[in-house]
PDB file of N, CA and C in Angstrom:
ATOM      1  N   MET A   1       0.551  21.991 -14.505  1.00  0.00           N
ATOM      2  CA  MET A   1       0.524  20.688 -13.723  1.00  0.00           C
ATOM      3  C   MET A   1      -0.813  20.493 -13.094  1.00  0.00           C
ATOM      4  N   ALA A   2      -1.313  19.277 -13.135  1.00  0.00           N
ATOM      5  CA  ALA A   2      -2.595  18.959 -12.475  1.00  0.00           C
ATOM      6  C   ALA A   2      -2.455  19.043 -10.968  1.00  0.00           C
ATOM      7  N   ALA A   3      -3.633  19.064 -10.310  1.00  0.00           N
ATOM      8  CA  ALA A   3      -3.667  19.210  -8.890  1.00  0.00           C
ATOM      9  C   ALA A   3      -2.934  18.016  -8.164  1.00  0.00           C
ATOM     10  N   SER A   4      -2.687  18.219  -6.889  1.00  0.00           N
ATOM     11  CA  SER A   4      -2.033  17.254  -6.044  1.00  0.00           C
ATOM     12  C   SER A   4      -2.896  15.973  -5.962  1.00  0.00           C
ATOM     13  N   LEU A   5      -2.260  14.821  -5.813  1.00  0.00           N
ATOM     14  CA  LEU A   5      -2.912  13.487  -5.630  1.00  0.00           C
ATOM     15  C   LEU A   5      -3.264  13.310  -4.174  1.00  0.00           C
ATOM     16  N   ASP A   6      -2.737  14.092  -3.280  1.00  0.00           N
ATOM     17  CA  ASP A   6      -2.897  13.864  -1.854  1.00  0.00           C
ATOM     18  C   ASP A   6      -4.294  13.757  -1.358  1.00  0.00           C
ATOM     19  N   GLY A   7      -4.626  12.662  -0.741  1.00  0.00           N
ATOM     20  CA  GLY A   7      -6.008  12.441  -0.194  1.00  0.00           C
ATOM     21  C   GLY A   7      -7.014  11.972  -1.172  1.00  0.00           C
ATOM     22  N   ARG A   8      -6.622  11.704  -2.363  1.00  0.00           N
ATOM     23  CA  ARG A   8      -7.605  11.364  -3.429  1.00  0.00           C
ATOM     24  C   ARG A   8      -7.712   9.813  -3.539  1.00  0.00           C
ATOM     25  N   LEU A   9      -8.976   9.382  -3.822  1.00  0.00           N
ATOM     26  CA  LEU A   9      -9.297   7.952  -4.007  1.00  0.00           C
ATOM     27  C   LEU A   9      -9.524   7.644  -5.428  1.00  0.00           C
ATOM     28  N   PHE A  10      -8.846   6.554  -5.922  1.00  0.00           N
ATOM     29  CA  PHE A  10      -8.957   6.235  -7.406  1.00  0.00           C
ATOM     30  C   PHE A  10      -9.400   4.718  -7.500  1.00  0.00           C
ATOM     31  N   ALA A  11      -9.957   4.440  -8.729  1.00  0.00           N
ATOM     32  CA  ALA A  11     -10.295   3.105  -9.098  1.00  0.00           C
ATOM     33  C   ALA A  11     -10.116   2.879 -10.543  1.00  0.00           C
ATOM     34  N   PRO A  12      -9.733   1.650 -10.974  1.00  0.00           N
ATOM     35  CA  PRO A  12      -9.586   1.359 -12.389  1.00  0.00           C
ATOM     36  C   PRO A  12     -10.911   1.562 -13.102  1.00  0.00           C
ATOM     37  N   VAL A  13     -10.915   1.999 -14.373  1.00  0.00           N
ATOM     38  CA  VAL A  13     -12.121   2.167 -15.134  1.00  0.00           C
ATOM     39  C   VAL A  13     -12.556   0.861 -15.799  1.00  0.00           C
ATOM     40  N   ALA A  14     -11.517  -0.132 -15.908  1.00  0.00           N
ATOM     41  CA  ALA A  14     -11.732  -1.453 -16.445  1.00  0.00           C
ATOM     42  C   ALA A  14     -10.796  -2.431 -15.910  1.00  0.00           C
ATOM     43  N   ASP A  15     -11.033  -3.689 -16.058  1.00  0.00           N
ATOM     44  CA  ASP A  15     -10.082  -4.700 -15.615  1.00  0.00           C
ATOM     45  C   ASP A  15      -8.970  -4.773 -16.676  1.00  0.00           C
ATOM     46  N   PRO A  16      -7.746  -4.375 -16.312  1.00  0.00           N
ATOM     47  CA  PRO A  16      -6.665  -4.393 -17.309  1.00  0.00           C
ATOM     48  C   PRO A  16      -6.264  -5.853 -17.715  1.00  0.00           C
ATOM     49  N   GLU A  17      -6.069  -6.060 -18.985  1.00  0.00           N
ATOM     50  CA  GLU A  17      -5.582  -7.389 -19.443  1.00  0.00           C
ATOM     51  C   GLU A  17      -4.230  -7.644 -18.959  1.00  0.00           C
ATOM     52  N   GLY A  18      -3.990  -8.788 -18.342  1.00  0.00           N
ATOM     53  CA  GLY A  18      -2.691  -9.169 -17.815  1.00  0.00           C
ATOM     54  C   GLY A  18      -2.343  -8.571 -16.438  1.00  0.00           C
ATOM     55  N   GLY A  19      -3.310  -7.783 -15.909  1.00  0.00           N
ATOM     56  CA  GLY A  19      -3.104  -7.242 -14.599  1.00  0.00           C
ATOM     57  C   GLY A  19      -3.860  -7.953 -13.560  1.00  0.00           C
ATOM     58  N   GLU A  20      -3.589  -7.555 -12.239  1.00  0.00           N
ATOM     59  CA  GLU A  20      -4.219  -8.247 -11.121  1.00  0.00           C
ATOM     60  C   GLU A  20      -5.231  -7.397 -10.406  1.00  0.00           C
ATOM     61  N   VAL A  21      -5.147  -6.107 -10.578  1.00  0.00           N
ATOM     62  CA  VAL A  21      -6.153  -5.244  -9.939  1.00  0.00           C
ATOM     63  C   VAL A  21      -7.393  -5.219 -10.831  1.00  0.00           C
ATOM     64  N   GLY A  22      -8.479  -4.788 -10.268  1.00  0.00           N
ATOM     65  CA  GLY A  22      -9.721  -4.666 -11.041  1.00  0.00           C
ATOM     66  C   GLY A  22     -10.544  -3.538 -10.617  1.00  0.00           C
ATOM     67  N   THR A  23     -11.717  -3.447 -11.188  1.00  0.00           N
ATOM     68  CA  THR A  23     -12.623  -2.274 -10.907  1.00  0.00           C
ATOM     69  C   THR A  23     -13.046  -2.157  -9.470  1.00  0.00           C
ATOM     70  N   SER A  24     -12.894  -3.199  -8.643  1.00  0.00           N
ATOM     71  CA  SER A  24     -13.232  -3.117  -7.241  1.00  0.00           C
ATOM     72  C   SER A  24     -12.008  -2.758  -6.398  1.00  0.00           C
ATOM     73  N   THR A  25     -10.823  -2.570  -7.014  1.00  0.00           N
ATOM     74  CA  THR A  25      -9.615  -2.176  -6.264  1.00  0.00           C
ATOM     75  C   THR A  25      -9.741  -0.655  -5.985  1.00  0.00           C
ATOM     76  N   ARG A  26      -9.306  -0.244  -4.811  1.00  0.00           N
ATOM     77  CA  ARG A  26      -9.315   1.218  -4.537  1.00  0.00           C
ATOM     78  C   ARG A  26      -7.873   1.624  -4.080  1.00  0.00           C
ATOM     79  N   PHE A  27      -7.495   2.787  -4.625  1.00  0.00           N
ATOM     80  CA  PHE A  27      -6.123   3.336  -4.405  1.00  0.00           C
ATOM     81  C   PHE A  27      -6.289   4.602  -3.636  1.00  0.00           C
ATOM     82  N   ARG A  28      -5.656   4.703  -2.456  1.00  0.00           N
ATOM     83  CA  ARG A  28      -5.608   5.949  -1.639  1.00  0.00           C
ATOM     84  C   ARG A  28      -4.251   6.591  -1.782  1.00  0.00           C
ATOM     85  N   TYR A  29      -4.239   7.706  -2.413  1.00  0.00           N
ATOM     86  CA  TYR A  29      -2.999   8.417  -2.745  1.00  0.00           C
ATOM     87  C   TYR A  29      -2.566   9.427  -1.725  1.00  0.00           C
ATOM     88  N   HIS A  30      -1.275   9.625  -1.553  1.00  0.00           N
ATOM     89  CA  HIS A  30      -0.667  10.627  -0.704  1.00  0.00           C
ATOM     90  C   HIS A  30       0.505  11.247  -1.495  1.00  0.00           C
ATOM     91  N   GLU A  31       0.660  12.567  -1.447  1.00  0.00           N
ATOM     92  CA  GLU A  31       1.704  13.216  -2.155  1.00  0.00           C
ATOM     93  C   GLU A  31       2.289  14.392  -1.247  1.00  0.00           C
ATOM     94  N   GLN A  32       3.617  14.471  -1.268  1.00  0.00           N
ATOM     95  CA  GLN A  32       4.257  15.575  -0.563  1.00  0.00           C
ATOM     96  C   GLN A  32       5.653  15.768  -1.232  1.00  0.00           C
ATOM     97  N   ASP A  33       5.938  16.989  -1.613  1.00  0.00           N
ATOM     98  CA  ASP A  33       7.268  17.355  -2.119  1.00  0.00           C
ATOM     99  C   ASP A  33       7.789  16.477  -3.212  1.00  0.00           C
ATOM    100  N   GLY A  34       6.891  16.062  -4.173  1.00  0.00           N
ATOM    101  CA  GLY A  34       7.338  15.377  -5.361  1.00  0.00           C
ATOM    102  C   GLY A  34       7.461  13.843  -5.000  1.00  0.00           C
ATOM    103  N   ARG A  35       7.025  13.448  -3.834  1.00  0.00           N
ATOM    104  CA  ARG A  35       7.032  11.992  -3.472  1.00  0.00           C
ATOM    105  C   ARG A  35       5.622  11.554  -3.404  1.00  0.00           C
ATOM    106  N   ILE A  36       5.349  10.336  -3.978  1.00  0.00           N
ATOM    107  CA  ILE A  36       3.948   9.802  -3.902  1.00  0.00           C
ATOM    108  C   ILE A  36       4.000   8.428  -3.235  1.00  0.00           C
ATOM    109  N   ARG A  37       2.880   8.084  -2.648  1.00  0.00           N
ATOM    110  CA  ARG A  37       2.663   6.739  -2.203  1.00  0.00           C
ATOM    111  C   ARG A  37       1.146   6.454  -2.215  1.00  0.00           C
ATOM    112  N   ALA A  38       0.839   5.230  -2.252  1.00  0.00           N
ATOM    113  CA  ALA A  38      -0.614   4.829  -2.169  1.00  0.00           C
ATOM    114  C   ALA A  38      -0.708   3.408  -1.566  1.00  0.00           C
ATOM    115  N   ASP A  39      -1.771   3.220  -0.888  1.00  0.00           N
ATOM    116  CA  ASP A  39      -2.151   1.915  -0.363  1.00  0.00           C
ATOM    117  C   ASP A  39      -3.361   1.527  -1.164  1.00  0.00           C
ATOM    118  N   TYR A  40      -3.465   0.214  -1.413  1.00  0.00           N
ATOM    119  CA  TYR A  40      -4.665  -0.221  -2.232  1.00  0.00           C
ATOM    120  C   TYR A  40      -5.073  -1.626  -1.837  1.00  0.00           C
ATOM    121  N   ASP A  41      -6.345  -1.872  -2.050  1.00  0.00           N
ATOM    122  CA  ASP A  41      -6.912  -3.233  -1.799  1.00  0.00           C
ATOM    123  C   ASP A  41      -8.249  -3.346  -2.533  1.00  0.00           C
ATOM    124  N   GLY A  42      -8.749  -4.537  -2.514  1.00  0.00           N
ATOM    125  CA  GLY A  42     -10.051  -4.811  -3.156  1.00  0.00           C
ATOM    126  C   GLY A  42      -9.922  -5.783  -4.286  1.00  0.00           C
ATOM    127  N   GLY A  43     -11.006  -6.547  -4.523  1.00  0.00           N
ATOM    128  CA  GLY A  43     -10.968  -7.605  -5.517  1.00  0.00           C
ATOM    129  C   GLY A  43     -10.035  -8.665  -5.156  1.00  0.00           C
ATOM    130  N   ASP A  44      -9.140  -9.064  -6.057  1.00  0.00           N
ATOM    131  CA  ASP A  44      -8.152 -10.110  -5.758  1.00  0.00           C
ATOM    132  C   ASP A  44      -6.987  -9.649  -4.968  1.00  0.00           C
ATOM    133  N   ILE A  45      -6.840  -8.331  -4.638  1.00  0.00           N
ATOM    134  CA  ILE A  45      -5.771  -7.755  -3.935  1.00  0.00           C
ATOM    135  C   ILE A  45      -6.118  -7.571  -2.461  1.00  0.00           C
ATOM    136  N   GLU A  46      -5.341  -8.329  -1.661  1.00  0.00           N
ATOM    137  CA  GLU A  46      -5.597  -8.211  -0.181  1.00  0.00           C
ATOM    138  C   GLU A  46      -4.976  -6.871   0.292  1.00  0.00           C
ATOM    139  N   ARG A  47      -3.746  -6.576  -0.153  1.00  0.00           N
ATOM    140  CA  ARG A  47      -3.060  -5.391   0.231  1.00  0.00           C
ATOM    141  C   ARG A  47      -1.978  -5.038  -0.766  1.00  0.00           C
ATOM    142  N   GLY A  48      -1.876  -3.790  -1.116  1.00  0.00           N
ATOM    143  CA  GLY A  48      -0.815  -3.387  -2.043  1.00  0.00           C
ATOM    144  C   GLY A  48      -0.294  -2.005  -1.585  1.00  0.00           C
ATOM    145  N   HIS A  49       0.965  -1.702  -2.052  1.00  0.00           N
ATOM    146  CA  HIS A  49       1.621  -0.381  -1.720  1.00  0.00           C
ATOM    147  C   HIS A  49       2.335   0.084  -3.013  1.00  0.00           C
ATOM    148  N   LEU A  50       2.389   1.328  -3.253  1.00  0.00           N
ATOM    149  CA  LEU A  50       3.211   1.869  -4.256  1.00  0.00           C
ATOM    150  C   LEU A  50       3.942   3.067  -3.701  1.00  0.00           C
ATOM    151  N   LEU A  51       5.179   3.261  -4.162  1.00  0.00           N
ATOM    152  CA  LEU A  51       6.096   4.362  -3.801  1.00  0.00           C
ATOM    153  C   LEU A  51       6.760   4.895  -5.048  1.00  0.00           C
ATOM    154  N   GLY A  52       6.869   6.206  -5.139  1.00  0.00           N
ATOM    155  CA  GLY A  52       7.539   6.780  -6.225  1.00  0.00           C
ATOM    156  C   GLY A  52       7.644   8.315  -6.141  1.00  0.00           C
ATOM    157  N   THR A  53       7.872   8.861  -7.348  1.00  0.00           N
ATOM    158  CA  THR A  53       8.075  10.311  -7.437  1.00  0.00           C
ATOM    159  C   THR A  53       7.120  10.869  -8.524  1.00  0.00           C
ATOM    160  N   ARG A  54       6.960  12.210  -8.434  1.00  0.00           N
ATOM    161  CA  ARG A  54       6.144  12.929  -9.407  1.00  0.00           C
ATOM    162  C   ARG A  54       7.109  14.081  -9.868  1.00  0.00           C
ATOM    163  N   ASP A  55       7.131  14.203 -11.241  1.00  0.00           N
ATOM    164  CA  ASP A  55       7.836  15.269 -11.902  1.00  0.00           C
ATOM    165  C   ASP A  55       6.809  15.900 -12.843  1.00  0.00           C
ATOM    166  N   GLY A  56       6.205  17.022 -12.468  1.00  0.00           N
ATOM    167  CA  GLY A  56       5.180  17.598 -13.308  1.00  0.00           C
ATOM    168  C   GLY A  56       3.930  16.685 -13.305  1.00  0.00           C
ATOM    169  N   ASP A  57       3.496  16.254 -14.471  1.00  0.00           N
ATOM    170  CA  ASP A  57       2.300  15.368 -14.528  1.00  0.00           C
ATOM    171  C   ASP A  57       2.791  13.904 -14.820  1.00  0.00           C
ATOM    172  N   ARG A  58       4.026  13.586 -14.522  1.00  0.00           N
ATOM    173  CA  ARG A  58       4.538  12.262 -14.729  1.00  0.00           C
ATOM    174  C   ARG A  58       4.855  11.615 -13.398  1.00  0.00           C
ATOM    175  N   LEU A  59       4.206  10.444 -13.142  1.00  0.00           N
ATOM    176  CA  LEU A  59       4.524   9.628 -12.000  1.00  0.00           C
ATOM    177  C   LEU A  59       5.438   8.488 -12.377  1.00  0.00           C
ATOM    178  N   ASP A  60       6.343   8.116 -11.524  1.00  0.00           N
ATOM    179  CA  ASP A  60       7.215   6.951 -11.770  1.00  0.00           C
ATOM    180  C   ASP A  60       7.319   6.197 -10.410  1.00  0.00           C
ATOM    181  N   PHE A  61       6.736   4.989 -10.398  1.00  0.00           N
ATOM    182  CA  PHE A  61       6.710   4.279  -9.068  1.00  0.00           C
ATOM    183  C   PHE A  61       6.882   2.786  -9.269  1.00  0.00           C
ATOM    184  N   ARG A  62       7.195   2.139  -8.158  1.00  0.00           N
ATOM    185  CA  ARG A  62       7.189   0.703  -8.040  1.00  0.00           C
ATOM    186  C   ARG A  62       6.019   0.297  -7.097  1.00  0.00           C
ATOM    187  N   TYR A  63       5.534  -0.920  -7.358  1.00  0.00           N
ATOM    188  CA  TYR A  63       4.438  -1.396  -6.581  1.00  0.00           C
ATOM    189  C   TYR A  63       4.691  -2.858  -6.117  1.00  0.00           C
ATOM    190  N   VAL A  64       4.161  -3.267  -4.992  1.00  0.00           N
ATOM    191  CA  VAL A  64       4.232  -4.571  -4.438  1.00  0.00           C
ATOM    192  C   VAL A  64       2.855  -4.878  -3.868  1.00  0.00           C
ATOM    193  N   GLN A  65       2.372  -6.116  -4.103  1.00  0.00           N
ATOM    194  CA  GLN A  65       1.030  -6.469  -3.648  1.00  0.00           C
ATOM    195  C   GLN A  65       0.954  -7.925  -3.231  1.00  0.00           C
ATOM    196  N   LEU A  66       0.032  -8.109  -2.317  1.00  0.00           N
ATOM    197  CA  LEU A  66      -0.330  -9.485  -1.851  1.00  0.00           C
ATOM    198  C   LEU A  66      -1.721  -9.843  -2.339  1.00  0.00           C
ATOM    199  N   ARG A  67      -1.812 -10.917  -3.076  1.00  0.00           N
ATOM    200  CA  ARG A  67      -3.151 -11.339  -3.512  1.00  0.00           C
ATOM    201  C   ARG A  67      -3.846 -12.155  -2.439  1.00  0.00           C
ATOM    202  N   ARG A  68      -5.165 -12.249  -2.531  1.00  0.00           N
ATOM    203  CA  ARG A  68      -5.937 -13.034  -1.537  1.00  0.00           C
ATOM    204  C   ARG A  68      -5.594 -14.499  -1.545  1.00  0.00           C
ATOM    205  N   ASP A  69      -4.965 -15.021  -2.641  1.00  0.00           N
ATOM    206  CA  ASP A  69      -4.567 -16.405  -2.717  1.00  0.00           C
ATOM    207  C   ASP A  69      -3.180 -16.584  -2.122  1.00  0.00           C
ATOM    208  N   GLY A  70      -2.577 -15.511  -1.544  1.00  0.00           N
ATOM    209  CA  GLY A  70      -1.263 -15.644  -0.886  1.00  0.00           C
ATOM    210  C   GLY A  70      -0.051 -15.370  -1.771  1.00  0.00           C
ATOM    211  N   ARG A  71      -0.269 -15.178  -3.072  1.00  0.00           N
ATOM    212  CA  ARG A  71       0.891 -14.876  -3.903  1.00  0.00           C
ATOM    213  C   ARG A  71       1.272 -13.389  -3.857  1.00  0.00           C
ATOM    214  N   THR A  72       2.506 -13.091  -4.090  1.00  0.00           N
ATOM    215  CA  THR A  72       2.974 -11.683  -4.119  1.00  0.00           C
ATOM    216  C   THR A  72       3.427 -11.355  -5.564  1.00  0.00           C
ATOM    217  N   SER A  73       3.419 -10.129  -5.866  1.00  0.00           N
ATOM    218  CA  SER A  73       3.885  -9.670  -7.180  1.00  0.00           C
ATOM    219  C   SER A  73       4.416  -8.222  -7.053  1.00  0.00           C
ATOM    220  N   THR A  74       5.334  -7.894  -7.929  1.00  0.00           N
ATOM    221  CA  THR A  74       5.927  -6.524  -7.939  1.00  0.00           C
ATOM    222  C   THR A  74       6.054  -6.024  -9.400  1.00  0.00           C
ATOM    223  N   GLY A  75       6.134  -4.703  -9.510  1.00  0.00           N
ATOM    224  CA  GLY A  75       6.290  -4.165 -10.821  1.00  0.00           C
ATOM    225  C   GLY A  75       6.657  -2.632 -10.785  1.00  0.00           C
ATOM    226  N   HIS A  76       6.735  -2.135 -12.015  1.00  0.00           N
ATOM    227  CA  HIS A  76       7.151  -0.740 -12.191  1.00  0.00           C
ATOM    228  C   HIS A  76       6.031  -0.078 -13.079  1.00  0.00           C
ATOM    229  N   CYS A  77       5.703   1.170 -12.776  1.00  0.00           N
ATOM    230  CA  CYS A  77       4.683   1.881 -13.583  1.00  0.00           C
ATOM    231  C   CYS A  77       5.089   3.323 -13.755  1.00  0.00           C
ATOM    232  N   VAL A  78       4.752   3.865 -14.945  1.00  0.00           N
ATOM    233  CA  VAL A  78       4.885   5.251 -15.279  1.00  0.00           C
ATOM    234  C   VAL A  78       3.466   5.699 -15.643  1.00  0.00           C
ATOM    235  N   SER A  79       3.044   6.828 -15.078  1.00  0.00           N
ATOM    236  CA  SER A  79       1.703   7.272 -15.265  1.00  0.00           C
ATOM    237  C   SER A  79       1.718   8.799 -15.648  1.00  0.00           C
ATOM    238  N   ARG A  80       0.726   9.184 -16.391  1.00  0.00           N
ATOM    239  CA  ARG A  80       0.513  10.563 -16.759  1.00  0.00           C
ATOM    240  C   ARG A  80      -0.716  11.045 -16.066  1.00  0.00           C
ATOM    241  N   VAL A  81      -0.681  12.154 -15.326  1.00  0.00           N
ATOM    242  CA  VAL A  81      -1.794  12.716 -14.602  1.00  0.00           C
ATOM    243  C   VAL A  81      -2.491  13.679 -15.522  1.00  0.00           C
ATOM    244  N   VAL A  82      -3.826  13.452 -15.660  1.00  0.00           N
ATOM    245  CA  VAL A  82      -4.661  14.259 -16.530  1.00  0.00           C
ATOM    246  C   VAL A  82      -5.841  14.768 -15.660  1.00  0.00           C
ATOM    247  N   GLU A  83      -6.086  16.091 -15.809  1.00  0.00           N
ATOM    248  CA  GLU A  83      -7.244  16.625 -15.086  1.00  0.00           C
ATOM    249  C   GLU A  83      -8.477  16.593 -15.995  1.00  0.00           C
ATOM    250  N   LEU A  84      -9.530  15.960 -15.449  1.00  0.00           N
ATOM    251  CA  LEU A  84     -10.788  15.816 -16.171  1.00  0.00           C
ATOM    252  C   LEU A  84     -11.595  17.139 -16.152  1.00  0.00           C
ATOM    253  N   PRO A  85     -12.544  17.311 -17.061  1.00  0.00           N
ATOM    254  CA  PRO A  85     -13.330  18.581 -17.112  1.00  0.00           C
ATOM    255  C   PRO A  85     -14.036  18.850 -15.809  1.00  0.00           C
ATOM    256  N   ASP A  86     -14.354  17.827 -15.078  1.00  0.00           N
ATOM    257  CA  ASP A  86     -15.144  18.030 -13.790  1.00  0.00           C
ATOM    258  C   ASP A  86     -14.194  18.244 -12.566  1.00  0.00           C
ATOM    259  N   GLY A  87     -12.895  18.285 -12.834  1.00  0.00           N
ATOM    260  CA  GLY A  87     -11.924  18.572 -11.788  1.00  0.00           C
ATOM    261  C   GLY A  87     -11.340  17.278 -11.165  1.00  0.00           C
ATOM    262  N   ARG A  88     -11.942  16.138 -11.452  1.00  0.00           N
ATOM    263  CA  ARG A  88     -11.270  14.896 -10.964  1.00  0.00           C
ATOM    264  C   ARG A  88     -10.044  14.591 -11.738  1.00  0.00           C
ATOM    265  N   LEU A  89      -9.205  13.679 -11.252  1.00  0.00           N
ATOM    266  CA  LEU A  89      -7.963  13.337 -11.955  1.00  0.00           C
ATOM    267  C   LEU A  89      -8.051  11.957 -12.475  1.00  0.00           C
ATOM    268  N   ARG A  90      -7.298  11.749 -13.610  1.00  0.00           N
ATOM    269  CA  ARG A  90      -7.177  10.422 -14.302  1.00  0.00           C
ATOM    270  C   ARG A  90      -5.669  10.132 -14.348  1.00  0.00           C
ATOM    271  N   LEU A  91      -5.336   8.853 -14.109  1.00  0.00           N
ATOM    272  CA  LEU A  91      -3.954   8.412 -14.297  1.00  0.00           C
ATOM    273  C   LEU A  91      -3.912   7.475 -15.461  1.00  0.00           C
ATOM    274  N   GLU A  92      -3.150   7.805 -16.504  1.00  0.00           N
ATOM    275  CA  GLU A  92      -3.038   6.886 -17.710  1.00  0.00           C
ATOM    276  C   GLU A  92      -1.652   6.194 -17.492  1.00  0.00           C
ATOM    277  N   GLU A  93      -1.735   4.946 -17.313  1.00  0.00           N
ATOM    278  CA  GLU A  93      -0.586   4.110 -16.815  1.00  0.00           C
ATOM    279  C   GLU A  93      -0.051   3.140 -17.815  1.00  0.00           C
ATOM    280  N   THR A  94       1.252   3.029 -17.830  1.00  0.00           N
ATOM    281  CA  THR A  94       1.977   2.023 -18.549  1.00  0.00           C
ATOM    282  C   THR A  94       2.805   1.213 -17.508  1.00  0.00           C
ATOM    283  N   TRP A  95       2.561  -0.040 -17.426  1.00  0.00           N
ATOM    284  CA  TRP A  95       3.181  -0.799 -16.311  1.00  0.00           C
ATOM    285  C   TRP A  95       3.866  -2.049 -16.896  1.00  0.00           C
ATOM    286  N   GLU A  96       4.768  -2.608 -16.044  1.00  0.00           N
ATOM    287  CA  GLU A  96       5.463  -3.822 -16.417  1.00  0.00           C
ATOM    288  C   GLU A  96       5.785  -4.637 -15.112  1.00  0.00           C
ATOM    289  N   TRP A  97       5.457  -5.908 -15.188  1.00  0.00           N
ATOM    290  CA  TRP A  97       5.813  -6.804 -13.967  1.00  0.00           C
ATOM    291  C   TRP A  97       7.356  -6.923 -13.939  1.00  0.00           C
ATOM    292  N   GLU A  98       7.790  -6.971 -12.673  1.00  0.00           N
ATOM    293  CA  GLU A  98       9.116  -7.329 -12.368  1.00  0.00           C
ATOM    294  C   GLU A  98       9.263  -8.672 -11.760  1.00  0.00           C
ATOM    295  N   SER A  99       8.217  -9.231 -11.260  1.00  0.00           N
ATOM    296  CA  SER A  99       8.169 -10.561 -10.572  1.00  0.00           C
ATOM    297  C   SER A  99       7.679 -11.676 -11.493  1.00  0.00           C
ATOM    298  N   GLN A 100       7.219 -11.275 -12.693  1.00  0.00           N
ATOM    299  CA  GLN A 100       6.708 -12.255 -13.578  1.00  0.00           C
ATOM    300  C   GLN A 100       6.673 -11.624 -15.031  1.00  0.00           C
ATOM    301  N   GLU A 101       6.352 -12.388 -16.014  1.00  0.00           N
ATOM    302  CA  GLU A 101       6.265 -11.870 -17.409  1.00  0.00           C
ATOM    303  C   GLU A 101       5.004 -11.029 -17.519  1.00  0.00           C
ATOM    304  N   GLY A 102       5.086  -9.936 -18.341  1.00  0.00           N
ATOM    305  CA  GLY A 102       3.933  -9.221 -18.727  1.00  0.00           C
ATOM    306  C   GLY A 102       4.038  -7.689 -18.547  1.00  0.00           C
ATOM    307  N   ARG A 103       3.287  -7.056 -19.331  1.00  0.00           N
ATOM    308  CA  ARG A 103       3.185  -5.571 -19.352  1.00  0.00           C
ATOM    309  C   ARG A 103       1.825  -5.111 -19.868  1.00  0.00           C
ATOM    310  N   GLY A 104       1.510  -3.860 -19.671  1.00  0.00           N
ATOM    311  CA  GLY A 104       0.224  -3.446 -20.209  1.00  0.00           C
ATOM    312  C   GLY A 104      -0.002  -1.954 -19.907  1.00  0.00           C
ATOM    313  N   THR A 105      -1.194  -1.549 -20.184  1.00  0.00           N
ATOM    314  CA  THR A 105      -1.648  -0.151 -19.852  1.00  0.00           C
ATOM    315  C   THR A 105      -2.929  -0.304 -19.088  1.00  0.00           C
ATOM    316  N   SER A 106      -3.217   0.799 -18.394  1.00  0.00           N
ATOM    317  CA  SER A 106      -4.515   0.835 -17.658  1.00  0.00           C
ATOM    318  C   SER A 106      -4.821   2.357 -17.394  1.00  0.00           C
ATOM    319  N   VAL A 107      -6.024   2.587 -16.995  1.00  0.00           N
ATOM    320  CA  VAL A 107      -6.550   3.892 -16.601  1.00  0.00           C
ATOM    321  C   VAL A 107      -7.239   3.813 -15.259  1.00  0.00           C
ATOM    322  N   VAL A 108      -6.791   4.672 -14.330  1.00  0.00           N
ATOM    323  CA  VAL A 108      -7.579   4.803 -13.050  1.00  0.00           C
ATOM    324  C   VAL A 108      -8.071   6.213 -12.975  1.00  0.00           C
ATOM    325  N   GLU A 109      -9.267   6.347 -12.444  1.00  0.00           N
ATOM    326  CA  GLU A 109      -9.820   7.695 -12.263  1.00  0.00           C
ATOM    327  C   GLU A 109     -10.247   7.937 -10.826  1.00  0.00           C
ATOM    328  N   GLU A 110     -10.129   9.216 -10.462  1.00  0.00           N
ATOM    329  CA  GLU A 110     -10.536   9.588  -9.111  1.00  0.00           C
ATOM    330  C   GLU A 110     -12.032   9.374  -8.997  1.00  0.00           C
ATOM    331  N   LEU A 111     -12.455   8.812  -7.886  1.00  0.00           N
ATOM    332  CA  LEU A 111     -13.863   8.593  -7.626  1.00  0.00           C
ATOM    333  C   LEU A 111     -14.494   9.921  -7.174  1.00  0.00           C
ATOM    334  N   PRO A 112     -15.781  10.167  -7.533  1.00  0.00           N
ATOM    335  CA  PRO A 112     -16.462  11.328  -7.131  1.00  0.00           C
ATOM    336  C   PRO A 112     -16.509  11.385  -5.605  1.00  0.00           C
ATOM    337  N   ALA A 113     -16.410  12.648  -5.079  1.00  0.00           N
ATOM    338  CA  ALA A 113     -16.455  12.803  -3.609  1.00  0.00           C
ATOM    339  C   ALA A 113     -17.798  12.320  -3.101  1.00  0.00           C
ATOM    340  N   GLN A 114     -17.751  11.649  -1.916  1.00  0.00           N
ATOM    341  CA  GLN A 114     -18.995  11.149  -1.327  1.00  0.00           C
ATOM    342  C   GLN A 114     -19.595  12.299  -0.525  1.00  0.00           C
ATOM    343  N   ARG A 115     -20.878  12.576  -0.676  1.00  0.00           N
ATOM    344  CA  ARG A 115     -21.522  13.653   0.025  1.00  0.00           C
ATOM    345  C   ARG A 115     -22.317  13.123   1.172  1.00  0.00           C
TER     346      ARG A 115
END
């Protein structure tokens, strides 16, 4: 199993087609006892939250977000945690909107530690 997500900062590697987050969105993860949560913002997203579970290297969570234009949206995501050669983590995601039509895939990677 890859390392804990707790305290790690992630960003999308590209703007996902059909998604609302983008490369300027930042996800701050917390993990304890198989439970995960993250707060995120940046780009078109004023504020977002996700809550879910981790079983091995599989995450299963729901997300809710408020866009800067005042619209809200919700969805479900399943991710696979992958450890990169340099020790950072990558999340390979498959998501689906629950508040609107659409689904897709995306990749977010842990940002290098700031020195």
